[in-house]
């Protein structure tokens, strides 16, 4: 008996990880449509399934929100961790604490405790 091949073929036919809220809604509607009229779905079961659908929808929205936070170079979240850190910068290796992140026309610079603004590429070391 070749159980492994059957399992692999079933996985290839439909990838469960790709099920979305439309698929869940279709299954839910089909279940309601074909339920036994002599033994209909109980109110509690109906509410549980609606709650599951609502949870699925919120998880999908959260996933989409997180994926929209890209990790590109122009994302200020990538550089905000530098606030409060001491950086060594420039050819002389001077040090100062970062007090803020400045963004102007998609160009990032750091405002230092000593009053200077430096570019990100000027940083030699972060402490």
N, C-alpha and C. Protein backbone atom coordinates (compact mmCIF):
# COMPACT_ATOMS: atom_id res chain seq x y z
N UNK A 1 0.84 -1.18 0.00
CA UNK A 1 0.00 0.00 0.00
C UNK A 1 0.88 1.24 0.00
N UNK A 2 0.59 2.21 -0.84
CA UNK A 2 1.42 3.40 -0.99
C UNK A 2 0.74 4.61 -0.36
N UNK A 3 0.76 4.68 0.94
CA UNK A 3 0.12 5.77 1.65
C UNK A 3 0.84 7.09 1.41
N UNK A 4 2.15 7.06 1.34
CA UNK A 4 2.94 8.28 1.13
C UNK A 4 2.57 8.98 -0.16
N UNK A 5 2.43 8.23 -1.25
CA UNK A 5 2.08 8.82 -2.54
C UNK A 5 0.69 9.44 -2.52
N UNK A 6 -0.26 8.77 -1.86
CA UNK A 6 -1.62 9.31 -1.77
C UNK A 6 -1.60 10.61 -1.00
N UNK A 7 -0.89 10.66 0.11
CA UNK A 7 -0.80 11.87 0.91
C UNK A 7 -0.17 13.00 0.12
N UNK A 8 0.91 12.73 -0.58
CA UNK A 8 1.58 13.75 -1.37
C UNK A 8 0.67 14.27 -2.48
N UNK A 9 -0.06 13.37 -3.14
CA UNK A 9 -0.96 13.79 -4.21
C UNK A 9 -2.08 14.66 -3.67
N UNK A 10 -2.61 14.32 -2.50
CA UNK A 10 -3.68 15.13 -1.92
C UNK A 10 -3.17 16.50 -1.53
N UNK A 11 -1.95 16.58 -1.02
CA UNK A 11 -1.37 17.85 -0.64
C UNK A 11 -1.16 18.73 -1.87
N UNK A 12 -0.75 18.12 -2.98
CA UNK A 12 -0.53 18.89 -4.20
C UNK A 12 -1.81 19.42 -4.81
N UNK A 13 -2.93 18.69 -4.63
CA UNK A 13 -4.20 19.11 -5.22
C UNK A 13 -4.66 20.43 -4.61
N UNK A 14 -4.60 20.54 -3.29
CA UNK A 14 -5.06 21.77 -2.65
C UNK A 14 -4.21 22.04 -1.43
N UNK A 15 -3.54 23.15 -1.43
CA UNK A 15 -2.67 23.52 -0.32
C UNK A 15 -3.52 24.20 0.76
N UNK A 16 -3.65 23.56 1.90
CA UNK A 16 -4.51 24.06 2.97
C UNK A 16 -4.01 25.42 3.47
N UNK A 17 -2.73 25.67 3.41
CA UNK A 17 -2.19 26.94 3.88
C UNK A 17 -2.70 28.12 3.08
N UNK A 18 -3.19 27.89 1.88
CA UNK A 18 -3.65 28.97 1.02
C UNK A 18 -5.13 29.27 1.18
N UNK A 19 -5.80 28.58 2.12
CA UNK A 19 -7.22 28.84 2.33
C UNK A 19 -7.39 30.23 2.90
N UNK A 20 -8.31 30.96 2.34
CA UNK A 20 -8.57 32.30 2.80
C UNK A 20 -9.98 32.43 3.33
N UNK A 21 -10.37 33.66 3.61
CA UNK A 21 -11.69 33.87 4.18
C UNK A 21 -12.80 33.54 3.18
N UNK A 22 -12.55 33.71 1.88
CA UNK A 22 -13.57 33.34 0.89
C UNK A 22 -13.82 31.84 0.90
N UNK A 23 -12.74 31.04 1.01
CA UNK A 23 -12.87 29.59 1.06
C UNK A 23 -13.63 29.15 2.30
N UNK A 24 -13.31 29.77 3.43
CA UNK A 24 -13.99 29.43 4.67
C UNK A 24 -15.48 29.78 4.58
N UNK A 25 -15.78 30.93 4.00
CA UNK A 25 -17.18 31.36 3.85
C UNK A 25 -17.93 30.40 2.93
N UNK A 26 -17.30 29.95 1.85
CA UNK A 26 -17.94 28.99 0.95
C UNK A 26 -18.26 27.68 1.66
N UNK A 27 -17.31 27.19 2.46
CA UNK A 27 -17.55 25.97 3.23
C UNK A 27 -18.69 26.16 4.23
N UNK A 28 -18.71 27.30 4.87
CA UNK A 28 -19.73 27.60 5.86
C UNK A 28 -21.11 27.64 5.22
N UNK A 29 -21.23 28.32 4.08
CA UNK A 29 -22.51 28.42 3.37
C UNK A 29 -22.94 27.04 2.86
N UNK A 30 -22.01 26.25 2.35
CA UNK A 30 -22.33 24.90 1.88
C UNK A 30 -22.83 24.04 3.04
N UNK A 31 -22.21 24.19 4.19
CA UNK A 31 -22.65 23.44 5.36
C UNK A 31 -24.07 23.81 5.74
N UNK A 32 -24.39 25.10 5.71
CA UNK A 32 -25.76 25.54 6.02
C UNK A 32 -26.75 25.04 4.97
N UNK A 33 -26.33 25.09 3.72
CA UNK A 33 -27.21 24.70 2.63
C UNK A 33 -27.56 23.21 2.68
N UNK A 34 -26.61 22.38 3.02
CA UNK A 34 -26.81 20.93 2.98
C UNK A 34 -27.02 20.30 4.36
N UNK A 35 -27.35 21.11 5.34
CA UNK A 35 -27.57 20.52 6.66
C UNK A 35 -28.89 19.73 6.68
N UNK A 36 -28.96 18.82 7.58
CA UNK A 36 -30.15 17.99 7.74
C UNK A 36 -31.28 18.82 8.34
N UNK A 37 -32.41 18.98 7.63
CA UNK A 37 -33.50 19.80 8.16
C UNK A 37 -34.12 19.22 9.43
N UNK A 38 -34.00 17.92 9.64
CA UNK A 38 -34.53 17.31 10.85
C UNK A 38 -33.60 17.48 12.04
N UNK A 39 -32.34 17.79 11.77
CA UNK A 39 -31.35 18.01 12.82
C UNK A 39 -30.50 19.23 12.45
N UNK A 40 -31.09 20.42 12.49
CA UNK A 40 -30.36 21.61 12.04
C UNK A 40 -29.23 21.98 13.00
N UNK A 41 -28.38 22.85 12.52
CA UNK A 41 -27.25 23.35 13.29
C UNK A 41 -27.78 24.09 14.53
N UNK A 42 -27.23 23.77 15.67
CA UNK A 42 -27.65 24.42 16.91
C UNK A 42 -27.12 25.86 16.93
N UNK A 43 -27.80 26.74 17.65
CA UNK A 43 -27.39 28.15 17.75
C UNK A 43 -25.96 28.29 18.26
N UNK A 44 -25.61 27.46 19.25
CA UNK A 44 -24.27 27.55 19.82
C UNK A 44 -23.21 27.20 18.78
N UNK A 45 -23.48 26.16 17.99
CA UNK A 45 -22.53 25.76 16.95
C UNK A 45 -22.40 26.84 15.89
N UNK A 46 -23.53 27.45 15.56
CA UNK A 46 -23.55 28.51 14.57
C UNK A 46 -22.71 29.70 15.05
N UNK A 47 -22.87 30.06 16.31
CA UNK A 47 -22.13 31.19 16.88
C UNK A 47 -20.64 30.88 16.93
N UNK A 48 -20.29 29.65 17.28
CA UNK A 48 -18.87 29.25 17.33
C UNK A 48 -18.24 29.37 15.94
N UNK A 49 -18.96 28.92 14.91
CA UNK A 49 -18.41 29.00 13.56
C UNK A 49 -18.29 30.45 13.08
N UNK A 50 -19.26 31.29 13.46
CA UNK A 50 -19.14 32.71 13.12
C UNK A 50 -17.95 33.36 13.83
N UNK A 51 -17.72 32.97 15.07
CA UNK A 51 -16.57 33.49 15.81
C UNK A 51 -15.26 33.04 15.16
N UNK A 52 -15.22 31.79 14.70
CA UNK A 52 -14.03 31.29 14.02
C UNK A 52 -13.79 32.06 12.73
N UNK A 53 -14.87 32.35 12.01
CA UNK A 53 -14.73 33.12 10.77
C UNK A 53 -14.23 34.52 11.07
N UNK A 54 -14.76 35.13 12.12
CA UNK A 54 -14.32 36.47 12.51
C UNK A 54 -12.85 36.46 12.91
N UNK A 55 -12.44 35.43 13.66
CA UNK A 55 -11.03 35.32 14.07
C UNK A 55 -10.12 35.14 12.86
N UNK A 56 -10.56 34.32 11.91
CA UNK A 56 -9.78 34.11 10.69
C UNK A 56 -9.61 35.43 9.94
N UNK A 57 -10.69 36.18 9.83
CA UNK A 57 -10.62 37.45 9.11
C UNK A 57 -9.67 38.42 9.80
N UNK A 58 -9.72 38.49 11.12
CA UNK A 58 -8.82 39.39 11.85
C UNK A 58 -7.37 38.94 11.71
N UNK A 59 -7.11 37.64 11.76
CA UNK A 59 -5.73 37.15 11.58
C UNK A 59 -5.21 37.49 10.19
N UNK A 60 -6.05 37.38 9.20
CA UNK A 60 -5.63 37.74 7.84
C UNK A 60 -5.32 39.23 7.76
N UNK A 61 -6.15 40.05 8.40
CA UNK A 61 -5.91 41.50 8.41
C UNK A 61 -4.61 41.83 9.14
N UNK A 62 -4.34 41.14 10.23
CA UNK A 62 -3.09 41.36 10.96
C UNK A 62 -1.90 40.97 10.10
N UNK A 63 -1.99 39.81 9.44
CA UNK A 63 -0.90 39.36 8.56
C UNK A 63 -0.63 40.38 7.45
N UNK A 64 -1.71 40.89 6.86
CA UNK A 64 -1.54 41.89 5.79
C UNK A 64 -0.93 43.17 6.34
N UNK A 65 -1.33 43.56 7.54
CA UNK A 65 -0.76 44.76 8.15
C UNK A 65 0.72 44.61 8.45
N UNK A 66 1.10 43.46 8.94
CA UNK A 66 2.51 43.21 9.25
C UNK A 66 3.33 43.15 7.97
N UNK A 67 2.78 42.51 6.95
CA UNK A 67 3.55 42.41 5.70
C UNK A 67 3.69 43.76 5.01
N UNK A 68 2.79 44.71 5.33
CA UNK A 68 2.93 46.03 4.72
C UNK A 68 4.06 46.84 5.37
N UNK A 69 4.50 46.41 6.55
CA UNK A 69 5.65 47.05 7.18
C UNK A 69 6.91 46.47 6.56
N UNK A 70 7.28 46.99 5.44
CA UNK A 70 8.42 46.41 4.72
C UNK A 70 9.72 46.78 5.42
N UNK A 71 10.70 45.97 5.16
CA UNK A 71 12.01 46.19 5.75
C UNK A 71 12.95 46.84 4.74
N UNK A 72 12.42 47.80 4.02
CA UNK A 72 13.25 48.50 3.03
C UNK A 72 14.10 49.56 3.73
N UNK A 73 15.05 50.10 3.01
CA UNK A 73 15.96 51.09 3.57
C UNK A 73 15.25 52.38 4.00
N UNK A 74 14.11 52.70 3.42
CA UNK A 74 13.45 53.96 3.74
C UNK A 74 12.38 53.79 4.82
N UNK A 75 12.47 52.73 5.61
CA UNK A 75 11.52 52.51 6.69
C UNK A 75 12.11 53.05 7.98
N UNK A 76 11.48 54.08 8.58
CA UNK A 76 12.05 54.68 9.79
C UNK A 76 12.12 53.71 10.97
N UNK A 77 11.28 52.67 10.96
CA UNK A 77 11.33 51.71 12.06
C UNK A 77 12.68 51.00 12.14
N UNK A 78 13.36 50.87 11.00
CA UNK A 78 14.66 50.21 11.00
C UNK A 78 15.70 51.00 11.78
N UNK A 79 15.57 52.29 11.81
CA UNK A 79 16.60 53.15 12.41
C UNK A 79 16.19 53.72 13.76
N UNK A 80 14.93 53.55 14.16
CA UNK A 80 14.48 54.13 15.43
C UNK A 80 15.16 53.49 16.63
N UNK A 81 15.66 52.27 16.48
CA UNK A 81 16.35 51.61 17.59
C UNK A 81 17.62 52.35 17.97
N UNK A 82 18.13 53.22 17.11
CA UNK A 82 19.36 53.95 17.40
C UNK A 82 19.17 55.04 18.45
N UNK A 83 17.93 55.48 18.64
CA UNK A 83 17.67 56.54 19.62
C UNK A 83 18.05 56.03 21.01
N UNK A 84 18.89 56.80 21.70
CA UNK A 84 19.38 56.42 23.02
C UNK A 84 20.70 55.67 22.99
N UNK A 85 21.12 55.24 21.82
CA UNK A 85 22.40 54.52 21.67
C UNK A 85 23.53 55.52 21.47
N UNK A 86 24.73 55.11 21.84
CA UNK A 86 25.93 55.91 21.57
C UNK A 86 26.52 55.41 20.26
N UNK A 87 26.81 56.36 19.36
CA UNK A 87 27.39 55.99 18.07
C UNK A 87 28.77 56.62 17.92
N UNK A 88 29.62 55.88 17.25
CA UNK A 88 30.93 56.41 16.87
C UNK A 88 30.81 56.75 15.40
N UNK A 89 31.28 57.96 15.01
CA UNK A 89 31.05 58.44 13.64
C UNK A 89 32.25 59.22 13.13
N UNK A 90 32.26 59.37 11.83
CA UNK A 90 33.28 60.20 11.18
C UNK A 90 34.64 59.53 11.13
N UNK A 91 35.57 60.20 10.43
CA UNK A 91 36.92 59.68 10.28
C UNK A 91 37.69 59.71 11.60
N UNK A 92 37.36 60.68 12.47
CA UNK A 92 38.08 60.80 13.74
C UNK A 92 37.57 59.84 14.80
N UNK A 93 36.40 59.22 14.55
CA UNK A 93 35.84 58.29 15.52
C UNK A 93 35.24 58.96 16.73
N UNK A 94 34.65 60.14 16.55
CA UNK A 94 34.00 60.82 17.67
C UNK A 94 32.76 60.05 18.10
N UNK A 95 32.34 60.27 19.36
CA UNK A 95 31.18 59.56 19.90
C UNK A 95 30.17 60.54 20.46
N UNK A 96 28.90 60.16 20.34
CA UNK A 96 27.83 60.93 20.95
C UNK A 96 26.58 60.06 21.00
N UNK A 97 25.65 60.46 21.85
CA UNK A 97 24.39 59.72 21.99
C UNK A 97 23.37 60.25 21.00
N UNK A 98 22.60 59.35 20.38
CA UNK A 98 21.56 59.71 19.42
C UNK A 98 20.31 60.12 20.21
N UNK A 99 19.77 61.33 19.90
CA UNK A 99 18.57 61.78 20.60
C UNK A 99 17.32 61.77 19.72
N UNK A 100 17.52 61.76 18.39
CA UNK A 100 16.34 61.68 17.51
C UNK A 100 16.74 61.25 16.11
N UNK A 101 15.73 60.84 15.36
CA UNK A 101 15.89 60.44 13.97
C UNK A 101 15.18 61.49 13.13
N UNK A 102 15.89 62.08 12.20
CA UNK A 102 15.30 63.10 11.33
C UNK A 102 15.08 62.52 9.93
N UNK A 103 13.91 62.84 9.35
CA UNK A 103 13.58 62.37 8.02
C UNK A 103 13.20 63.58 7.18
N UNK A 104 13.91 63.77 6.10
CA UNK A 104 13.62 64.87 5.19
C UNK A 104 13.79 64.38 3.76
N UNK A 105 12.69 64.36 3.01
CA UNK A 105 12.71 63.91 1.62
C UNK A 105 13.31 62.51 1.50
N UNK A 106 12.88 61.60 2.37
CA UNK A 106 13.34 60.21 2.40
C UNK A 106 14.84 60.07 2.65
N UNK A 107 15.44 61.10 3.24
CA UNK A 107 16.85 61.03 3.64
C UNK A 107 16.87 61.06 5.16
N UNK A 108 17.54 60.07 5.74
CA UNK A 108 17.58 59.93 7.19
C UNK A 108 18.88 60.50 7.73
N UNK A 109 18.75 61.19 8.86
CA UNK A 109 19.93 61.64 9.59
C UNK A 109 19.63 61.50 11.07
N UNK A 110 20.70 61.50 11.85
CA UNK A 110 20.56 61.34 13.29
C UNK A 110 20.95 62.63 13.99
N UNK A 111 20.12 63.09 14.89
CA UNK A 111 20.43 64.25 15.72
C UNK A 111 21.14 63.71 16.96
N UNK A 112 22.34 64.23 17.22
CA UNK A 112 23.16 63.76 18.33
C UNK A 112 23.05 64.70 19.52
N UNK A 113 23.41 64.17 20.68
CA UNK A 113 23.37 64.92 21.93
C UNK A 113 24.29 66.14 21.89
N UNK A 114 25.36 66.06 21.09
CA UNK A 114 26.30 67.18 20.99
C UNK A 114 25.84 68.25 20.01
N UNK A 115 24.62 68.09 19.45
CA UNK A 115 24.05 69.10 18.57
C UNK A 115 24.27 68.86 17.09
N UNK A 116 25.09 67.89 16.73
CA UNK A 116 25.36 67.62 15.32
C UNK A 116 24.29 66.72 14.71
N UNK A 117 24.11 66.86 13.40
CA UNK A 117 23.31 65.93 12.60
C UNK A 117 24.29 65.15 11.74
N UNK A 118 24.16 63.82 11.77
CA UNK A 118 25.04 63.00 10.94
C UNK A 118 24.20 62.09 10.05
N UNK A 119 24.79 61.69 8.93
CA UNK A 119 24.13 60.75 8.03
C UNK A 119 24.36 59.33 8.55
N UNK A 120 23.46 58.45 8.17
CA UNK A 120 23.57 57.05 8.61
C UNK A 120 24.86 56.41 8.13
N UNK A 121 25.29 56.76 6.94
CA UNK A 121 26.51 56.14 6.40
C UNK A 121 27.78 56.61 7.11
N UNK A 122 27.69 57.66 7.94
CA UNK A 122 28.84 58.14 8.70
C UNK A 122 29.10 57.34 9.98
N UNK A 123 28.17 56.47 10.34
CA UNK A 123 28.31 55.70 11.58
C UNK A 123 29.34 54.60 11.39
N UNK A 124 30.27 54.52 12.35
CA UNK A 124 31.31 53.51 12.34
C UNK A 124 30.96 52.38 13.30
N UNK A 125 30.38 52.76 14.45
CA UNK A 125 30.10 51.77 15.49
C UNK A 125 28.88 52.21 16.29
N UNK A 126 28.10 51.24 16.75
CA UNK A 126 26.94 51.52 17.60
C UNK A 126 27.16 50.80 18.92
N UNK A 127 27.00 51.54 20.03
CA UNK A 127 27.20 50.95 21.36
C UNK A 127 25.90 50.94 22.13
